[in-house]
Amino acid sequence: MSKTLLQGVKLTNAQGESVQGEQLGQDGKVLALYFAADWCPDCRAFQPALNSFYKAAGDDLDVVFVGSDASAADQLAHLKDKQGPWWMVPFEGDTRSQLKRKFGVCAGAEVRALSPITRKGGIPTLVVIRADGEVVDFHAADKVERDGIKALAKWQ
């Protein structure tokens, strides 16, 4: 297997289950990084559309939450209370910051802490990627809201 973007990253879900990041986005599954925070009104507005999209996509989609919440407890509560049954990058460690820098996505309040960053987008942002990190669609949230489940076929 070639090196993947999430190689060696232990991801967890709201039930406390874990998976190694390199297992996602394999066998034809679409892989999406979801940059969001519970305190963000636009994130709360987008969340129902993403939840419906995820449910309709079934086994064809892996979503990984990259949080901008203030603490590990806030991030986990956000995942448990508002999001689908997908995976989360750990609050601790450098992976969240590395992904935010790589894709240029963060909350406005994080720009200084993440410097240097070339900010391409705020939150919420849904980025569809290949397992190796190559961007397939940087503006996937727009397609989820506009096209619904039809967007999935464009990314497969």
N, C-alpha and C. Protein backbone atom coordinates (compact mmCIF):
# COMPACT_ATOMS: atom_id res chain seq x y z
N MET A 1 0.84 -1.18 0.00
CA MET A 1 0.00 0.00 0.00
C MET A 1 0.89 1.24 0.00
N SER A 2 0.55 2.21 -0.82
CA SER A 2 1.33 3.45 -0.84
C SER A 2 1.01 4.28 0.40
N LYS A 3 1.89 5.19 0.71
CA LYS A 3 1.71 6.04 1.89
C LYS A 3 0.46 6.90 1.72
N THR A 4 -0.31 6.99 2.77
CA THR A 4 -1.52 7.79 2.73
C THR A 4 -1.36 9.02 3.61
N LEU A 5 -2.21 10.00 3.40
CA LEU A 5 -2.17 11.24 4.15
C LEU A 5 -2.31 10.99 5.65
N LEU A 6 -3.15 10.07 6.02
CA LEU A 6 -3.42 9.81 7.44
C LEU A 6 -2.65 8.61 7.97
N GLN A 7 -1.56 8.25 7.31
CA GLN A 7 -0.71 7.12 7.71
C GLN A 7 -0.30 7.27 9.18
N GLY A 8 -0.58 6.24 9.98
CA GLY A 8 -0.16 6.22 11.37
C GLY A 8 -0.99 7.07 12.32
N VAL A 9 -2.06 7.67 11.83
CA VAL A 9 -2.92 8.50 12.68
C VAL A 9 -4.06 7.64 13.20
N LYS A 10 -4.18 7.57 14.52
CA LYS A 10 -5.27 6.81 15.14
C LYS A 10 -6.48 7.74 15.24
N LEU A 11 -7.54 7.38 14.54
CA LEU A 11 -8.77 8.15 14.54
C LEU A 11 -9.79 7.45 15.43
N THR A 12 -10.67 8.22 16.06
CA THR A 12 -11.70 7.63 16.90
C THR A 12 -13.07 8.12 16.46
N ASN A 13 -14.10 7.41 16.89
CA ASN A 13 -15.46 7.87 16.64
C ASN A 13 -16.14 8.16 17.98
N ALA A 14 -17.39 8.56 17.93
CA ALA A 14 -18.12 8.95 19.15
C ALA A 14 -18.32 7.78 20.11
N GLN A 15 -18.25 6.55 19.61
CA GLN A 15 -18.42 5.38 20.46
C GLN A 15 -17.11 4.91 21.08
N GLY A 16 -16.02 5.60 20.78
CA GLY A 16 -14.72 5.24 21.32
C GLY A 16 -13.97 4.19 20.52
N GLU A 17 -14.54 3.79 19.38
CA GLU A 17 -13.85 2.84 18.50
C GLU A 17 -12.73 3.59 17.77
N SER A 18 -11.74 2.85 17.32
CA SER A 18 -10.63 3.50 16.62
C SER A 18 -10.30 2.77 15.32
N VAL A 19 -9.63 3.50 14.44
CA VAL A 19 -9.18 2.97 13.16
C VAL A 19 -7.89 3.71 12.81
N GLN A 20 -7.02 3.04 12.11
CA GLN A 20 -5.81 3.70 11.61
C GLN A 20 -6.19 4.48 10.34
N GLY A 21 -5.71 5.69 10.24
CA GLY A 21 -6.07 6.57 9.14
C GLY A 21 -5.84 5.99 7.76
N GLU A 22 -4.79 5.17 7.62
CA GLU A 22 -4.48 4.62 6.30
C GLU A 22 -5.52 3.62 5.82
N GLN A 23 -6.44 3.20 6.69
CA GLN A 23 -7.49 2.27 6.29
C GLN A 23 -8.64 2.98 5.58
N LEU A 24 -8.70 4.29 5.66
CA LEU A 24 -9.81 5.04 5.08
C LEU A 24 -9.52 5.42 3.64
N GLY A 25 -10.60 5.63 2.89
CA GLY A 25 -10.46 6.04 1.49
C GLY A 25 -9.93 4.93 0.60
N GLN A 26 -10.11 3.70 0.99
CA GLN A 26 -9.62 2.55 0.22
C GLN A 26 -10.80 1.87 -0.49
N ASP A 27 -10.48 1.01 -1.43
CA ASP A 27 -11.48 0.18 -2.12
C ASP A 27 -12.62 1.00 -2.72
N GLY A 28 -12.28 2.12 -3.33
CA GLY A 28 -13.28 2.92 -4.02
C GLY A 28 -14.07 3.87 -3.13
N LYS A 29 -13.81 3.87 -1.84
CA LYS A 29 -14.52 4.79 -0.96
C LYS A 29 -14.03 6.22 -1.16
N VAL A 30 -14.96 7.15 -1.10
CA VAL A 30 -14.63 8.56 -1.13
C VAL A 30 -14.19 8.97 0.28
N LEU A 31 -13.14 9.76 0.37
CA LEU A 31 -12.62 10.24 1.65
C LEU A 31 -12.78 11.75 1.71
N ALA A 32 -13.42 12.23 2.78
CA ALA A 32 -13.65 13.66 2.94
C ALA A 32 -13.18 14.12 4.31
N LEU A 33 -12.49 15.25 4.33
CA LEU A 33 -12.09 15.89 5.58
C LEU A 33 -13.11 16.99 5.87
N TYR A 34 -13.66 16.96 7.07
CA TYR A 34 -14.67 17.93 7.47
C TYR A 34 -14.09 18.85 8.55
N PHE A 35 -13.80 20.09 8.16
CA PHE A 35 -13.25 21.09 9.06
C PHE A 35 -14.42 21.88 9.65
N ALA A 36 -14.58 21.84 10.98
CA ALA A 36 -15.74 22.48 11.60
C ALA A 36 -15.53 22.68 13.09
N ALA A 37 -16.47 23.40 13.71
CA ALA A 37 -16.49 23.59 15.16
C ALA A 37 -17.94 23.79 15.60
N ASP A 38 -18.25 23.38 16.81
CA ASP A 38 -19.61 23.50 17.32
C ASP A 38 -20.02 24.95 17.54
N TRP A 39 -19.08 25.82 17.88
CA TRP A 39 -19.40 27.22 18.14
C TRP A 39 -19.68 28.01 16.86
N CYS A 40 -19.42 27.42 15.70
CA CYS A 40 -19.55 28.09 14.41
C CYS A 40 -20.99 27.99 13.88
N PRO A 41 -21.70 29.13 13.74
CA PRO A 41 -23.08 29.08 13.25
C PRO A 41 -23.21 28.46 11.85
N ASP A 42 -22.26 28.76 10.95
CA ASP A 42 -22.33 28.19 9.61
C ASP A 42 -22.14 26.68 9.63
N CYS A 43 -21.30 26.20 10.55
CA CYS A 43 -21.10 24.75 10.70
C CYS A 43 -22.39 24.09 11.17
N ARG A 44 -23.05 24.71 12.14
CA ARG A 44 -24.31 24.16 12.65
C ARG A 44 -25.37 24.14 11.55
N ALA A 45 -25.36 25.15 10.68
CA ALA A 45 -26.33 25.20 9.59
C ALA A 45 -26.06 24.13 8.54
N PHE A 46 -24.79 23.82 8.27
CA PHE A 46 -24.41 22.83 7.25
C PHE A 46 -24.57 21.39 7.76
N GLN A 47 -24.46 21.19 9.05
CA GLN A 47 -24.41 19.85 9.63
C GLN A 47 -25.55 18.92 9.21
N PRO A 48 -26.81 19.36 9.22
CA PRO A 48 -27.89 18.45 8.80
C PRO A 48 -27.73 17.94 7.37
N ALA A 49 -27.27 18.80 6.46
CA ALA A 49 -27.06 18.37 5.07
C ALA A 49 -25.97 17.31 4.99
N LEU A 50 -24.88 17.50 5.73
CA LEU A 50 -23.81 16.51 5.72
C LEU A 50 -24.26 15.20 6.36
N ASN A 51 -25.01 15.28 7.44
CA ASN A 51 -25.51 14.06 8.07
C ASN A 51 -26.39 13.26 7.11
N SER A 52 -27.28 13.93 6.40
CA SER A 52 -28.15 13.26 5.42
C SER A 52 -27.34 12.67 4.28
N PHE A 53 -26.37 13.43 3.80
CA PHE A 53 -25.51 12.97 2.72
C PHE A 53 -24.75 11.71 3.13
N TYR A 54 -24.19 11.73 4.33
CA TYR A 54 -23.43 10.58 4.84
C TYR A 54 -24.33 9.35 4.94
N LYS A 55 -25.52 9.53 5.45
CA LYS A 55 -26.46 8.40 5.59
C LYS A 55 -26.81 7.83 4.21
N ALA A 56 -27.06 8.69 3.24
CA ALA A 56 -27.40 8.24 1.89
C ALA A 56 -26.22 7.56 1.20
N ALA A 57 -25.00 8.01 1.49
CA ALA A 57 -23.81 7.44 0.85
C ALA A 57 -23.48 6.05 1.36
N GLY A 58 -23.89 5.73 2.55
CA GLY A 58 -23.63 4.40 3.10
C GLY A 58 -22.15 4.08 3.17
N ASP A 59 -21.79 2.90 2.69
CA ASP A 59 -20.41 2.43 2.77
C ASP A 59 -19.49 3.04 1.72
N ASP A 60 -19.98 3.97 0.92
CA ASP A 60 -19.16 4.57 -0.13
C ASP A 60 -18.42 5.82 0.31
N LEU A 61 -18.53 6.20 1.59
CA LEU A 61 -17.96 7.46 2.06
C LEU A 61 -17.32 7.30 3.43
N ASP A 62 -16.10 7.81 3.56
CA ASP A 62 -15.43 7.97 4.86
C ASP A 62 -15.30 9.46 5.12
N VAL A 63 -15.78 9.91 6.28
CA VAL A 63 -15.63 11.31 6.69
C VAL A 63 -14.72 11.36 7.90
N VAL A 64 -13.80 12.32 7.90
CA VAL A 64 -12.90 12.54 9.03
C VAL A 64 -13.08 13.99 9.49
N PHE A 65 -13.49 14.14 10.74
CA PHE A 65 -13.71 15.45 11.35
C PHE A 65 -12.38 16.02 11.84
N VAL A 66 -12.08 17.24 11.38
CA VAL A 66 -10.89 17.98 11.81
C VAL A 66 -11.43 19.19 12.58
N GLY A 67 -11.40 19.11 13.89
CA GLY A 67 -12.07 20.08 14.73
C GLY A 67 -11.32 21.38 14.96
N SER A 68 -12.12 22.42 15.17
CA SER A 68 -11.61 23.72 15.61
C SER A 68 -12.27 24.13 16.92
N ASP A 69 -12.75 23.15 17.66
CA ASP A 69 -13.35 23.42 18.96
C ASP A 69 -12.25 23.80 19.95
N ALA A 70 -12.64 24.37 21.10
CA ALA A 70 -11.68 24.93 22.05
C ALA A 70 -10.95 23.89 22.90
N SER A 71 -11.53 22.70 23.04
CA SER A 71 -10.90 21.69 23.89
C SER A 71 -11.24 20.30 23.37
N ALA A 72 -10.53 19.31 23.88
CA ALA A 72 -10.80 17.92 23.51
C ALA A 72 -12.23 17.54 23.91
N ALA A 73 -12.67 17.99 25.08
CA ALA A 73 -14.02 17.68 25.55
C ALA A 73 -15.07 18.32 24.63
N ASP A 74 -14.84 19.57 24.22
CA ASP A 74 -15.78 20.24 23.31
C ASP A 74 -15.82 19.53 21.95
N GLN A 75 -14.66 19.11 21.47
CA GLN A 75 -14.60 18.44 20.17
C GLN A 75 -15.34 17.11 20.21
N LEU A 76 -15.14 16.33 21.27
CA LEU A 76 -15.83 15.05 21.40
C LEU A 76 -17.33 15.25 21.55
N ALA A 77 -17.74 16.23 22.35
CA ALA A 77 -19.17 16.52 22.51
C ALA A 77 -19.79 16.92 21.18
N HIS A 78 -19.07 17.72 20.40
CA HIS A 78 -19.55 18.13 19.08
C HIS A 78 -19.77 16.90 18.19
N LEU A 79 -18.80 16.00 18.19
CA LEU A 79 -18.92 14.78 17.39
C LEU A 79 -20.11 13.95 17.84
N LYS A 80 -20.23 13.74 19.15
CA LYS A 80 -21.30 12.89 19.69
C LYS A 80 -22.69 13.49 19.49
N ASP A 81 -22.82 14.79 19.71
CA ASP A 81 -24.13 15.41 19.74
C ASP A 81 -24.67 15.85 18.39
N LYS A 82 -23.78 16.21 17.48
CA LYS A 82 -24.26 16.85 16.25
C LYS A 82 -23.88 16.13 14.96
N GLN A 83 -22.83 15.34 15.00
CA GLN A 83 -22.31 14.80 13.75
C GLN A 83 -22.72 13.35 13.54
N GLY A 84 -22.39 12.86 12.34
CA GLY A 84 -22.65 11.48 11.98
C GLY A 84 -21.68 10.54 12.67
N PRO A 85 -21.82 9.25 12.42
CA PRO A 85 -20.96 8.25 13.08
C PRO A 85 -19.63 8.07 12.36
N TRP A 86 -18.94 9.16 12.12
CA TRP A 86 -17.68 9.08 11.40
C TRP A 86 -16.50 9.28 12.33
N TRP A 87 -15.33 9.46 11.76
CA TRP A 87 -14.06 9.48 12.49
C TRP A 87 -13.61 10.89 12.81
N MET A 88 -12.75 11.01 13.81
CA MET A 88 -12.26 12.30 14.27
C MET A 88 -10.75 12.25 14.46
N VAL A 89 -10.08 13.30 13.98
CA VAL A 89 -8.65 13.46 14.24
C VAL A 89 -8.50 13.83 15.72
N PRO A 90 -7.55 13.24 16.43
CA PRO A 90 -7.40 13.57 17.85
C PRO A 90 -7.13 15.05 18.08
N PHE A 91 -7.68 15.57 19.17
CA PHE A 91 -7.44 16.96 19.55
C PHE A 91 -5.97 17.16 19.90
N GLU A 92 -5.43 16.20 20.63
CA GLU A 92 -4.04 16.27 21.05
C GLU A 92 -3.11 15.96 19.87
N GLY A 93 -1.89 16.43 19.95
CA GLY A 93 -0.92 16.16 18.89
C GLY A 93 -0.96 17.21 17.80
N ASP A 94 -0.19 16.95 16.75
CA ASP A 94 -0.01 17.93 15.68
C ASP A 94 -0.86 17.68 14.44
N THR A 95 -1.56 16.56 14.37
CA THR A 95 -2.25 16.20 13.13
C THR A 95 -3.28 17.23 12.70
N ARG A 96 -4.10 17.73 13.64
CA ARG A 96 -5.11 18.74 13.28
C ARG A 96 -4.44 19.96 12.65
N SER A 97 -3.40 20.47 13.31
CA SER A 97 -2.70 21.66 12.80
C SER A 97 -2.05 21.38 11.45
N GLN A 98 -1.47 20.21 11.29
CA GLN A 98 -0.83 19.86 10.02
C GLN A 98 -1.85 19.82 8.89
N LEU A 99 -3.02 19.25 9.14
CA LEU A 99 -4.06 19.19 8.11
C LEU A 99 -4.58 20.59 7.78
N LYS A 100 -4.75 21.42 8.79
CA LYS A 100 -5.22 22.78 8.56
C LYS A 100 -4.21 23.57 7.72
N ARG A 101 -2.93 23.39 8.01
CA ARG A 101 -1.90 24.08 7.22
C ARG A 101 -1.84 23.53 5.79
N LYS A 102 -1.87 22.21 5.67
CA LYS A 102 -1.77 21.58 4.34
C LYS A 102 -2.88 22.05 3.41
N PHE A 103 -4.10 22.10 3.93
CA PHE A 103 -5.24 22.44 3.08
C PHE A 103 -5.63 23.92 3.17
N GLY A 104 -4.99 24.67 4.07
CA GLY A 104 -5.28 26.10 4.19
C GLY A 104 -6.67 26.39 4.72
N VAL A 105 -7.13 25.54 5.63
CA VAL A 105 -8.48 25.68 6.18
C VAL A 105 -8.40 25.80 7.69
N CYS A 106 -8.98 26.88 8.21
CA CYS A 106 -9.06 27.04 9.66
C CYS A 106 -10.07 28.12 10.00
N ALA A 107 -10.45 28.16 11.26
CA ALA A 107 -11.29 29.24 11.75
C ALA A 107 -10.45 30.51 11.77
N GLY A 108 -11.10 31.65 11.61
CA GLY A 108 -10.38 32.91 11.63
C GLY A 108 -9.55 33.09 12.89
N ALA A 109 -10.07 32.64 14.01
CA ALA A 109 -9.37 32.78 15.29
C ALA A 109 -8.10 31.93 15.37
N GLU A 110 -7.94 30.98 14.46
CA GLU A 110 -6.78 30.09 14.49
C GLU A 110 -5.63 30.56 13.60
N VAL A 111 -5.85 31.55 12.78
CA VAL A 111 -4.85 31.96 11.79
C VAL A 111 -3.52 32.28 12.44
N ARG A 112 -3.53 33.07 13.48
CA ARG A 112 -2.27 33.48 14.13
C ARG A 112 -1.54 32.27 14.70
N ALA A 113 -2.26 31.38 15.38
CA ALA A 113 -1.63 30.20 15.99
C ALA A 113 -1.07 29.24 14.94
N LEU A 114 -1.67 29.21 13.76
CA LEU A 114 -1.24 28.29 12.71
C LEU A 114 -0.21 28.92 11.76
N SER A 115 0.13 30.16 11.99
CA SER A 115 1.07 30.85 11.11
C SER A 115 2.38 30.08 11.01
N PRO A 116 2.95 29.95 9.82
CA PRO A 116 2.45 30.51 8.57
C PRO A 116 1.40 29.59 7.92
N ILE A 117 0.33 30.21 7.48
CA ILE A 117 -0.71 29.47 6.76
C ILE A 117 -1.23 30.37 5.65
N THR A 118 -1.42 29.80 4.48
CA THR A 118 -2.10 30.50 3.40
C THR A 118 -3.54 30.03 3.46
N ARG A 119 -4.39 30.87 4.01
CA ARG A 119 -5.77 30.46 4.27
C ARG A 119 -6.58 30.50 2.98
N LYS A 120 -7.12 29.33 2.62
CA LYS A 120 -7.96 29.20 1.43
C LYS A 120 -9.43 29.18 1.80
N GLY A 121 -9.71 28.82 3.05
CA GLY A 121 -11.10 28.71 3.46
C GLY A 121 -11.24 28.69 4.96
N GLY A 122 -12.42 29.08 5.40
CA GLY A 122 -12.78 29.02 6.81
C GLY A 122 -13.57 27.76 7.09
N ILE A 123 -14.35 27.80 8.15
CA ILE A 123 -15.16 26.64 8.49
C ILE A 123 -16.62 27.01 8.37
N PRO A 124 -17.47 26.09 7.96
CA PRO A 124 -17.18 24.69 7.63
C PRO A 124 -16.58 24.56 6.22
N THR A 125 -15.71 23.61 6.09
CA THR A 125 -15.17 23.22 4.79
C THR A 125 -15.14 21.71 4.72
N LEU A 126 -15.60 21.17 3.61
CA LEU A 126 -15.55 19.74 3.35
C LEU A 126 -14.66 19.56 2.12
N VAL A 127 -13.53 18.88 2.31
CA VAL A 127 -12.56 18.67 1.24
C VAL A 127 -12.54 17.19 0.90
N VAL A 128 -12.89 16.84 -0.33
CA VAL A 128 -12.79 15.46 -0.79
C VAL A 128 -11.37 15.25 -1.31
N ILE A 129 -10.73 14.20 -0.81
CA ILE A 129 -9.34 13.92 -1.18
C ILE A 129 -9.18 12.46 -1.56
N ARG A 130 -8.08 12.17 -2.23
CA ARG A 130 -7.65 10.79 -2.42
C ARG A 130 -6.91 10.39 -1.15
N ALA A 131 -6.71 9.11 -0.93
CA ALA A 131 -6.05 8.63 0.28
C ALA A 131 -4.65 9.23 0.45
N ASP A 132 -3.99 9.57 -0.68
CA ASP A 132 -2.64 10.14 -0.59
C ASP A 132 -2.65 11.64 -0.30
N GLY A 133 -3.83 12.24 -0.20
CA GLY A 133 -3.95 13.66 0.12
C GLY A 133 -4.22 14.56 -1.06
N GLU A 134 -4.20 14.02 -2.28
CA GLU A 134 -4.49 14.84 -3.46
C GLU A 134 -5.95 15.31 -3.40
N VAL A 135 -6.15 16.60 -3.61
CA VAL A 135 -7.49 17.18 -3.54
C VAL A 135 -8.31 16.80 -4.77
N VAL A 136 -9.49 16.27 -4.54
CA VAL A 136 -10.45 15.97 -5.60
C VAL A 136 -11.43 17.13 -5.74
N ASP A 137 -11.90 17.66 -4.61
CA ASP A 137 -12.85 18.78 -4.62
C ASP A 137 -12.71 19.57 -3.32
N PHE A 138 -12.22 20.79 -3.43
CA PHE A 138 -12.04 21.63 -2.25
C PHE A 138 -13.37 22.22 -1.77
N HIS A 139 -14.33 22.34 -2.66
CA HIS A 139 -15.62 22.97 -2.35
C HIS A 139 -16.75 21.94 -2.27
N ALA A 140 -16.47 20.82 -1.64
CA ALA A 140 -17.45 19.73 -1.59
C ALA A 140 -18.70 20.09 -0.80
N ALA A 141 -18.58 20.97 0.19
CA ALA A 141 -19.76 21.34 0.98
C ALA A 141 -20.83 21.97 0.09
N ASP A 142 -20.41 22.81 -0.85
CA ASP A 142 -21.37 23.42 -1.78
C ASP A 142 -22.11 22.37 -2.58
N LYS A 143 -21.37 21.34 -3.03
CA LYS A 143 -21.99 20.28 -3.83
C LYS A 143 -22.95 19.43 -3.00
N VAL A 144 -22.58 19.17 -1.74
CA VAL A 144 -23.46 18.40 -0.86
C VAL A 144 -24.79 19.14 -0.69
N GLU A 145 -24.72 20.44 -0.47
CA GLU A 145 -25.95 21.22 -0.30
C GLU A 145 -26.74 21.36 -1.60
N ARG A 146 -26.05 21.55 -2.71
CA ARG A 146 -26.72 21.80 -3.99
C ARG A 146 -27.20 20.52 -4.66
N ASP A 147 -26.32 19.49 -4.71
CA ASP A 147 -26.61 18.30 -5.50
C ASP A 147 -27.03 17.09 -4.67
N GLY A 148 -26.84 17.16 -3.37
CA GLY A 148 -27.17 16.01 -2.53
C GLY A 148 -26.34 14.80 -2.91
N ILE A 149 -26.92 13.63 -2.84
CA ILE A 149 -26.19 12.37 -3.05
C ILE A 149 -25.63 12.25 -4.47
N LYS A 150 -26.17 12.99 -5.43
CA LYS A 150 -25.64 12.95 -6.80
C LYS A 150 -24.18 13.39 -6.85
N ALA A 151 -23.75 14.20 -5.89
CA ALA A 151 -22.36 14.66 -5.87
C ALA A 151 -21.38 13.51 -5.67
N LEU A 152 -21.80 12.48 -4.97
CA LEU A 152 -20.90 11.36 -4.66
C LEU A 152 -20.34 10.72 -5.93
N ALA A 153 -21.17 10.54 -6.94
CA ALA A 153 -20.73 9.90 -8.19
C ALA A 153 -19.62 10.70 -8.87
N LYS A 154 -19.62 12.01 -8.71
CA LYS A 154 -18.59 12.85 -9.32
C LYS A 154 -17.23 12.64 -8.68
N TRP A 155 -17.22 12.17 -7.45
CA TRP A 155 -15.98 12.01 -6.70
C TRP A 155 -15.44 10.58 -6.72
N GLN A 156 -16.23 9.64 -7.22
CA GLN A 156 -15.80 8.23 -7.18
C GLN A 156 -14.87 7.91 -8.33
